[in-house]
Amino acid sequence: MFGMNDSRAEKRTIEKAWRVRRYAEDPLYETRKRMRLLGILDKDGTPLTAEKHFSLRNNGRCTICGTINKLCVDHCHFTKKFRGVLCKRCNIIIGQVEENIQLLQNTIDYLEEHR
């Protein structure tokens, strides 16, 4: 039993090293992987129209802040429709406010009031 745990830990270490190398070679690897899982990319990796549109429009950058780091595929949790490509930070912000536009506007008003 001890040997089995060792082999699982060793396998995880090898897989993590592979992902680190893969990401270094292709920073958009994880984004494309998520797009495939959400059905935004064909099985052969060919982008569908919406992904191509957003990528071309944003030059592979976050739609909100413009960064190229840790891009995510944003989609509506109700309709499952693809909305755009966001960085992890912007995607988390939208998730934390549960897509509530009024809450975001109240936050903006608060920040402007306390500059």
N, C-alpha and C. Protein backbone atom coordinates (compact mmCIF):
# COMPACT_ATOMS: atom_id res chain seq x y z
N MET A 1 0.83 -1.19 0.00
CA MET A 1 0.00 0.00 0.00
C MET A 1 0.86 1.25 0.00
N PHE A 2 1.99 1.23 0.73
CA PHE A 2 2.86 2.41 0.77
C PHE A 2 3.42 2.69 -0.62
N GLY A 3 3.77 1.63 -1.35
CA GLY A 3 4.31 1.78 -2.69
C GLY A 3 3.30 2.42 -3.64
N MET A 4 2.00 2.08 -3.48
CA MET A 4 0.97 2.63 -4.35
C MET A 4 0.86 4.14 -4.15
N ASN A 5 0.91 4.60 -2.90
CA ASN A 5 0.86 6.03 -2.63
C ASN A 5 2.07 6.74 -3.22
N ASP A 6 3.23 6.10 -3.12
CA ASP A 6 4.43 6.68 -3.71
C ASP A 6 4.27 6.86 -5.21
N SER A 7 3.74 5.85 -5.88
CA SER A 7 3.61 5.94 -7.33
C SER A 7 2.58 7.00 -7.73
N ARG A 8 1.52 7.17 -6.95
CA ARG A 8 0.53 8.23 -7.23
C ARG A 8 1.16 9.60 -7.06
N ALA A 9 1.92 9.76 -5.98
CA ALA A 9 2.59 11.04 -5.74
C ALA A 9 3.61 11.33 -6.84
N GLU A 10 4.34 10.29 -7.23
CA GLU A 10 5.33 10.45 -8.30
C GLU A 10 4.64 10.81 -9.62
N LYS A 11 3.51 10.17 -9.89
CA LYS A 11 2.77 10.46 -11.12
C LYS A 11 2.27 11.90 -11.12
N ARG A 12 1.75 12.36 -9.98
CA ARG A 12 1.29 13.75 -9.88
C ARG A 12 2.44 14.72 -10.10
N THR A 13 3.61 14.41 -9.55
CA THR A 13 4.78 15.27 -9.73
C THR A 13 5.19 15.34 -11.20
N ILE A 14 5.18 14.21 -11.87
CA ILE A 14 5.54 14.17 -13.29
C ILE A 14 4.52 14.94 -14.11
N GLU A 15 3.22 14.74 -13.82
CA GLU A 15 2.18 15.45 -14.57
C GLU A 15 2.27 16.95 -14.35
N LYS A 16 2.55 17.38 -13.13
CA LYS A 16 2.67 18.80 -12.85
C LYS A 16 3.86 19.39 -13.61
N ALA A 17 4.97 18.69 -13.63
CA ALA A 17 6.15 19.16 -14.38
C ALA A 17 5.82 19.27 -15.86
N TRP A 18 5.05 18.30 -16.38
CA TRP A 18 4.67 18.35 -17.78
C TRP A 18 3.80 19.59 -18.06
N ARG A 19 2.83 19.86 -17.17
CA ARG A 19 1.96 21.02 -17.36
C ARG A 19 2.76 22.32 -17.30
N VAL A 20 3.72 22.42 -16.41
CA VAL A 20 4.56 23.61 -16.31
C VAL A 20 5.33 23.82 -17.61
N ARG A 21 5.93 22.73 -18.14
CA ARG A 21 6.66 22.83 -19.41
C ARG A 21 5.73 23.21 -20.55
N ARG A 22 4.56 22.56 -20.58
CA ARG A 22 3.60 22.80 -21.66
C ARG A 22 3.13 24.25 -21.63
N TYR A 23 2.85 24.78 -20.44
CA TYR A 23 2.38 26.16 -20.32
C TYR A 23 3.49 27.14 -20.72
N ALA A 24 4.73 26.81 -20.39
CA ALA A 24 5.85 27.68 -20.78
C ALA A 24 5.98 27.72 -22.29
N GLU A 25 5.74 26.60 -22.95
CA GLU A 25 5.83 26.55 -24.41
C GLU A 25 4.65 27.24 -25.07
N ASP A 26 3.47 27.14 -24.46
CA ASP A 26 2.25 27.67 -25.06
C ASP A 26 1.36 28.25 -23.95
N PRO A 27 1.48 29.55 -23.66
CA PRO A 27 0.72 30.16 -22.56
C PRO A 27 -0.80 30.03 -22.71
N LEU A 28 -1.30 29.84 -23.92
CA LEU A 28 -2.74 29.73 -24.12
C LEU A 28 -3.24 28.28 -24.07
N TYR A 29 -2.36 27.33 -23.70
CA TYR A 29 -2.72 25.92 -23.67
C TYR A 29 -3.94 25.67 -22.77
N GLU A 30 -3.90 26.18 -21.55
CA GLU A 30 -4.99 25.93 -20.61
C GLU A 30 -6.29 26.59 -21.09
N THR A 31 -6.19 27.78 -21.69
CA THR A 31 -7.37 28.45 -22.21
C THR A 31 -8.02 27.62 -23.31
N ARG A 32 -7.20 27.11 -24.24
CA ARG A 32 -7.75 26.29 -25.31
C ARG A 32 -8.35 24.99 -24.76
N LYS A 33 -7.71 24.44 -23.73
CA LYS A 33 -8.23 23.21 -23.10
C LYS A 33 -9.62 23.47 -22.52
N ARG A 34 -9.78 24.61 -21.82
CA ARG A 34 -11.09 24.95 -21.25
C ARG A 34 -12.11 25.19 -22.36
N MET A 35 -11.66 25.83 -23.42
CA MET A 35 -12.57 26.09 -24.55
C MET A 35 -13.07 24.79 -25.16
N ARG A 36 -12.19 23.80 -25.26
CA ARG A 36 -12.60 22.50 -25.79
C ARG A 36 -13.63 21.86 -24.87
N LEU A 37 -13.41 21.94 -23.56
CA LEU A 37 -14.33 21.33 -22.60
C LEU A 37 -15.70 22.00 -22.63
N LEU A 38 -15.73 23.31 -22.89
CA LEU A 38 -17.00 24.04 -22.96
C LEU A 38 -17.66 23.96 -24.33
N GLY A 39 -17.00 23.29 -25.26
CA GLY A 39 -17.58 23.16 -26.58
C GLY A 39 -17.36 24.36 -27.47
N ILE A 40 -16.41 25.22 -27.12
CA ILE A 40 -16.13 26.41 -27.92
C ILE A 40 -15.12 26.08 -29.01
N LEU A 41 -14.34 25.03 -28.79
CA LEU A 41 -13.42 24.55 -29.83
C LEU A 41 -13.90 23.20 -30.32
N ASP A 42 -13.70 22.96 -31.60
CA ASP A 42 -14.00 21.64 -32.14
C ASP A 42 -13.05 20.62 -31.54
N LYS A 43 -13.36 19.35 -31.74
CA LYS A 43 -12.51 18.29 -31.20
C LYS A 43 -11.09 18.36 -31.73
N ASP A 44 -10.95 18.84 -32.95
CA ASP A 44 -9.61 18.95 -33.54
C ASP A 44 -8.90 20.24 -33.12
N GLY A 45 -9.54 21.04 -32.26
CA GLY A 45 -8.91 22.27 -31.77
C GLY A 45 -9.19 23.49 -32.62
N THR A 46 -10.02 23.36 -33.64
CA THR A 46 -10.35 24.49 -34.49
C THR A 46 -11.32 25.41 -33.76
N PRO A 47 -11.00 26.70 -33.67
CA PRO A 47 -11.89 27.63 -32.96
C PRO A 47 -13.22 27.80 -33.68
N LEU A 48 -14.27 27.90 -32.90
CA LEU A 48 -15.57 28.21 -33.47
C LEU A 48 -15.68 29.72 -33.66
N THR A 49 -16.71 30.15 -34.28
CA THR A 49 -16.85 31.54 -34.68
C THR A 49 -16.75 32.52 -33.51
N ALA A 50 -17.46 32.26 -32.40
CA ALA A 50 -17.45 33.20 -31.28
C ALA A 50 -16.06 33.37 -30.71
N GLU A 51 -15.33 32.26 -30.51
CA GLU A 51 -13.98 32.34 -29.95
C GLU A 51 -13.07 33.11 -30.89
N LYS A 52 -13.18 32.82 -32.18
CA LYS A 52 -12.34 33.50 -33.16
C LYS A 52 -12.64 34.99 -33.14
N HIS A 53 -13.91 35.34 -33.08
CA HIS A 53 -14.31 36.74 -33.06
C HIS A 53 -13.70 37.48 -31.88
N PHE A 54 -13.84 36.91 -30.68
CA PHE A 54 -13.33 37.58 -29.49
C PHE A 54 -11.80 37.63 -29.48
N SER A 55 -11.17 36.54 -29.92
CA SER A 55 -9.71 36.52 -29.93
C SER A 55 -9.15 37.55 -30.90
N LEU A 56 -9.75 37.65 -32.07
CA LEU A 56 -9.28 38.63 -33.04
C LEU A 56 -9.54 40.05 -32.55
N ARG A 57 -10.69 40.25 -31.97
CA ARG A 57 -11.05 41.59 -31.48
C ARG A 57 -10.14 42.04 -30.35
N ASN A 58 -9.75 41.10 -29.48
CA ASN A 58 -8.96 41.46 -28.30
C ASN A 58 -7.50 41.08 -28.41
N ASN A 59 -7.05 40.57 -29.53
CA ASN A 59 -5.66 40.14 -29.71
C ASN A 59 -5.20 39.18 -28.62
N GLY A 60 -6.08 38.26 -28.20
CA GLY A 60 -5.74 37.28 -27.19
C GLY A 60 -5.58 37.87 -25.80
N ARG A 61 -6.27 38.97 -25.54
CA ARG A 61 -6.18 39.65 -24.24
C ARG A 61 -7.53 39.59 -23.52
N CYS A 62 -7.48 39.86 -22.22
CA CYS A 62 -8.70 39.92 -21.42
C CYS A 62 -9.60 41.02 -21.96
N THR A 63 -10.88 40.71 -22.11
CA THR A 63 -11.84 41.67 -22.64
C THR A 63 -12.02 42.86 -21.70
N ILE A 64 -11.84 42.66 -20.40
CA ILE A 64 -12.07 43.74 -19.43
C ILE A 64 -10.82 44.56 -19.18
N CYS A 65 -9.70 43.92 -18.80
CA CYS A 65 -8.51 44.69 -18.38
C CYS A 65 -7.38 44.68 -19.40
N GLY A 66 -7.43 43.79 -20.38
CA GLY A 66 -6.42 43.78 -21.43
C GLY A 66 -5.17 42.97 -21.17
N THR A 67 -5.08 42.30 -20.03
CA THR A 67 -3.89 41.50 -19.74
C THR A 67 -3.90 40.22 -20.56
N ILE A 68 -2.73 39.60 -20.69
CA ILE A 68 -2.64 38.32 -21.41
C ILE A 68 -2.37 37.16 -20.44
N ASN A 69 -2.35 37.44 -19.15
CA ASN A 69 -2.01 36.43 -18.15
C ASN A 69 -3.23 35.59 -17.75
N LYS A 70 -3.05 34.28 -17.67
CA LYS A 70 -4.03 33.35 -17.13
C LYS A 70 -5.43 33.60 -17.68
N LEU A 71 -5.58 33.46 -18.99
CA LEU A 71 -6.87 33.70 -19.62
C LEU A 71 -7.84 32.57 -19.36
N CYS A 72 -9.11 32.94 -19.22
CA CYS A 72 -10.19 31.99 -18.97
C CYS A 72 -11.27 32.21 -20.01
N VAL A 73 -12.07 31.21 -20.21
CA VAL A 73 -13.22 31.32 -21.09
C VAL A 73 -14.41 31.72 -20.23
N ASP A 74 -15.00 32.87 -20.50
CA ASP A 74 -16.16 33.32 -19.74
C ASP A 74 -17.43 32.88 -20.46
N HIS A 75 -18.36 32.35 -19.69
CA HIS A 75 -19.64 31.94 -20.25
C HIS A 75 -20.73 32.20 -19.23
N CYS A 76 -21.95 32.38 -19.72
CA CYS A 76 -23.10 32.58 -18.86
C CYS A 76 -23.46 31.24 -18.22
N HIS A 77 -23.62 31.24 -16.91
CA HIS A 77 -23.92 29.99 -16.21
C HIS A 77 -25.36 29.55 -16.41
N PHE A 78 -26.21 30.47 -16.88
CA PHE A 78 -27.61 30.11 -17.11
C PHE A 78 -27.82 29.59 -18.53
N THR A 79 -27.30 30.33 -19.52
CA THR A 79 -27.51 29.95 -20.92
C THR A 79 -26.38 29.10 -21.46
N LYS A 80 -25.24 29.07 -20.76
CA LYS A 80 -24.03 28.35 -21.18
C LYS A 80 -23.40 28.95 -22.44
N LYS A 81 -23.82 30.16 -22.82
CA LYS A 81 -23.27 30.79 -24.00
C LYS A 81 -21.93 31.43 -23.69
N PHE A 82 -21.02 31.33 -24.65
CA PHE A 82 -19.70 31.93 -24.57
C PHE A 82 -19.85 33.45 -24.63
N ARG A 83 -19.19 34.17 -23.68
CA ARG A 83 -19.27 35.62 -23.68
C ARG A 83 -17.96 36.27 -24.10
N GLY A 84 -16.85 35.65 -23.77
CA GLY A 84 -15.58 36.25 -24.12
C GLY A 84 -14.43 35.58 -23.40
N VAL A 85 -13.25 36.18 -23.58
CA VAL A 85 -12.04 35.69 -22.93
C VAL A 85 -11.66 36.70 -21.87
N LEU A 86 -11.53 36.22 -20.62
CA LEU A 86 -11.18 37.08 -19.50
C LEU A 86 -9.96 36.52 -18.79
N CYS A 87 -9.24 37.40 -18.10
CA CYS A 87 -8.16 36.90 -17.25
C CYS A 87 -8.80 36.31 -15.99
N LYS A 88 -8.03 35.55 -15.26
CA LYS A 88 -8.55 34.87 -14.07
C LYS A 88 -9.13 35.87 -13.06
N ARG A 89 -8.42 37.01 -12.87
CA ARG A 89 -8.87 38.01 -11.89
C ARG A 89 -10.24 38.57 -12.26
N CYS A 90 -10.41 38.98 -13.51
CA CYS A 90 -11.69 39.56 -13.94
C CYS A 90 -12.80 38.52 -13.90
N ASN A 91 -12.49 37.28 -14.25
CA ASN A 91 -13.48 36.22 -14.20
C ASN A 91 -13.93 35.95 -12.76
N ILE A 92 -12.98 36.00 -11.82
CA ILE A 92 -13.32 35.79 -10.41
C ILE A 92 -14.19 36.94 -9.89
N ILE A 93 -13.87 38.18 -10.30
CA ILE A 93 -14.67 39.33 -9.87
C ILE A 93 -16.14 39.14 -10.29
N ILE A 94 -16.35 38.76 -11.55
CA ILE A 94 -17.71 38.55 -12.04
C ILE A 94 -18.39 37.43 -11.26
N GLY A 95 -17.66 36.38 -10.98
CA GLY A 95 -18.22 35.27 -10.22
C GLY A 95 -18.56 35.65 -8.78
N GLN A 96 -17.70 36.46 -8.16
CA GLN A 96 -17.93 36.84 -6.76
C GLN A 96 -19.18 37.71 -6.59
N VAL A 97 -19.49 38.53 -7.61
CA VAL A 97 -20.69 39.37 -7.51
C VAL A 97 -21.90 38.67 -8.12
N GLU A 98 -21.71 37.41 -8.50
CA GLU A 98 -22.78 36.58 -9.06
C GLU A 98 -23.46 37.25 -10.24
N GLU A 99 -22.66 37.91 -11.07
CA GLU A 99 -23.12 38.57 -12.29
C GLU A 99 -24.18 39.63 -12.02
N ASN A 100 -24.15 40.23 -10.82
CA ASN A 100 -25.12 41.24 -10.41
C ASN A 100 -24.62 42.62 -10.83
N ILE A 101 -25.22 43.18 -11.86
CA ILE A 101 -24.78 44.47 -12.41
C ILE A 101 -24.97 45.59 -11.39
N GLN A 102 -26.06 45.57 -10.64
CA GLN A 102 -26.30 46.63 -9.65
C GLN A 102 -25.24 46.60 -8.55
N LEU A 103 -24.83 45.42 -8.13
CA LEU A 103 -23.77 45.32 -7.13
C LEU A 103 -22.46 45.89 -7.66
N LEU A 104 -22.16 45.62 -8.91
CA LEU A 104 -20.95 46.19 -9.52
C LEU A 104 -21.05 47.71 -9.60
N GLN A 105 -22.22 48.23 -9.98
CA GLN A 105 -22.39 49.69 -10.06
C GLN A 105 -22.26 50.32 -8.68
N ASN A 106 -22.83 49.69 -7.65
CA ASN A 106 -22.69 50.20 -6.28
C ASN A 106 -21.22 50.22 -5.86
N THR A 107 -20.46 49.20 -6.26
CA THR A 107 -19.04 49.15 -5.95
C THR A 107 -18.29 50.28 -6.63
N ILE A 108 -18.61 50.55 -7.89
CA ILE A 108 -17.98 51.66 -8.62
C ILE A 108 -18.30 52.98 -7.95
N ASP A 109 -19.58 53.18 -7.61
CA ASP A 109 -19.98 54.42 -6.93
C ASP A 109 -19.23 54.60 -5.61
N TYR A 110 -19.09 53.53 -4.86
CA TYR A 110 -18.38 53.57 -3.58
C TYR A 110 -16.92 53.97 -3.79
N LEU A 111 -16.27 53.36 -4.75
CA LEU A 111 -14.86 53.67 -5.01
C LEU A 111 -14.67 55.10 -5.48
N GLU A 112 -15.57 55.58 -6.33
CA GLU A 112 -15.47 56.96 -6.80
C GLU A 112 -15.71 57.95 -5.66
N GLU A 113 -16.62 57.63 -4.76
CA GLU A 113 -16.92 58.49 -3.63
C GLU A 113 -15.74 58.61 -2.65
N HIS A 114 -14.95 57.54 -2.54
CA HIS A 114 -13.86 57.51 -1.56
C HIS A 114 -12.49 57.55 -2.20
N ARG A 115 -12.35 58.32 -3.26
CA ARG A 115 -11.03 58.47 -3.91
C ARG A 115 -10.10 59.27 -3.06
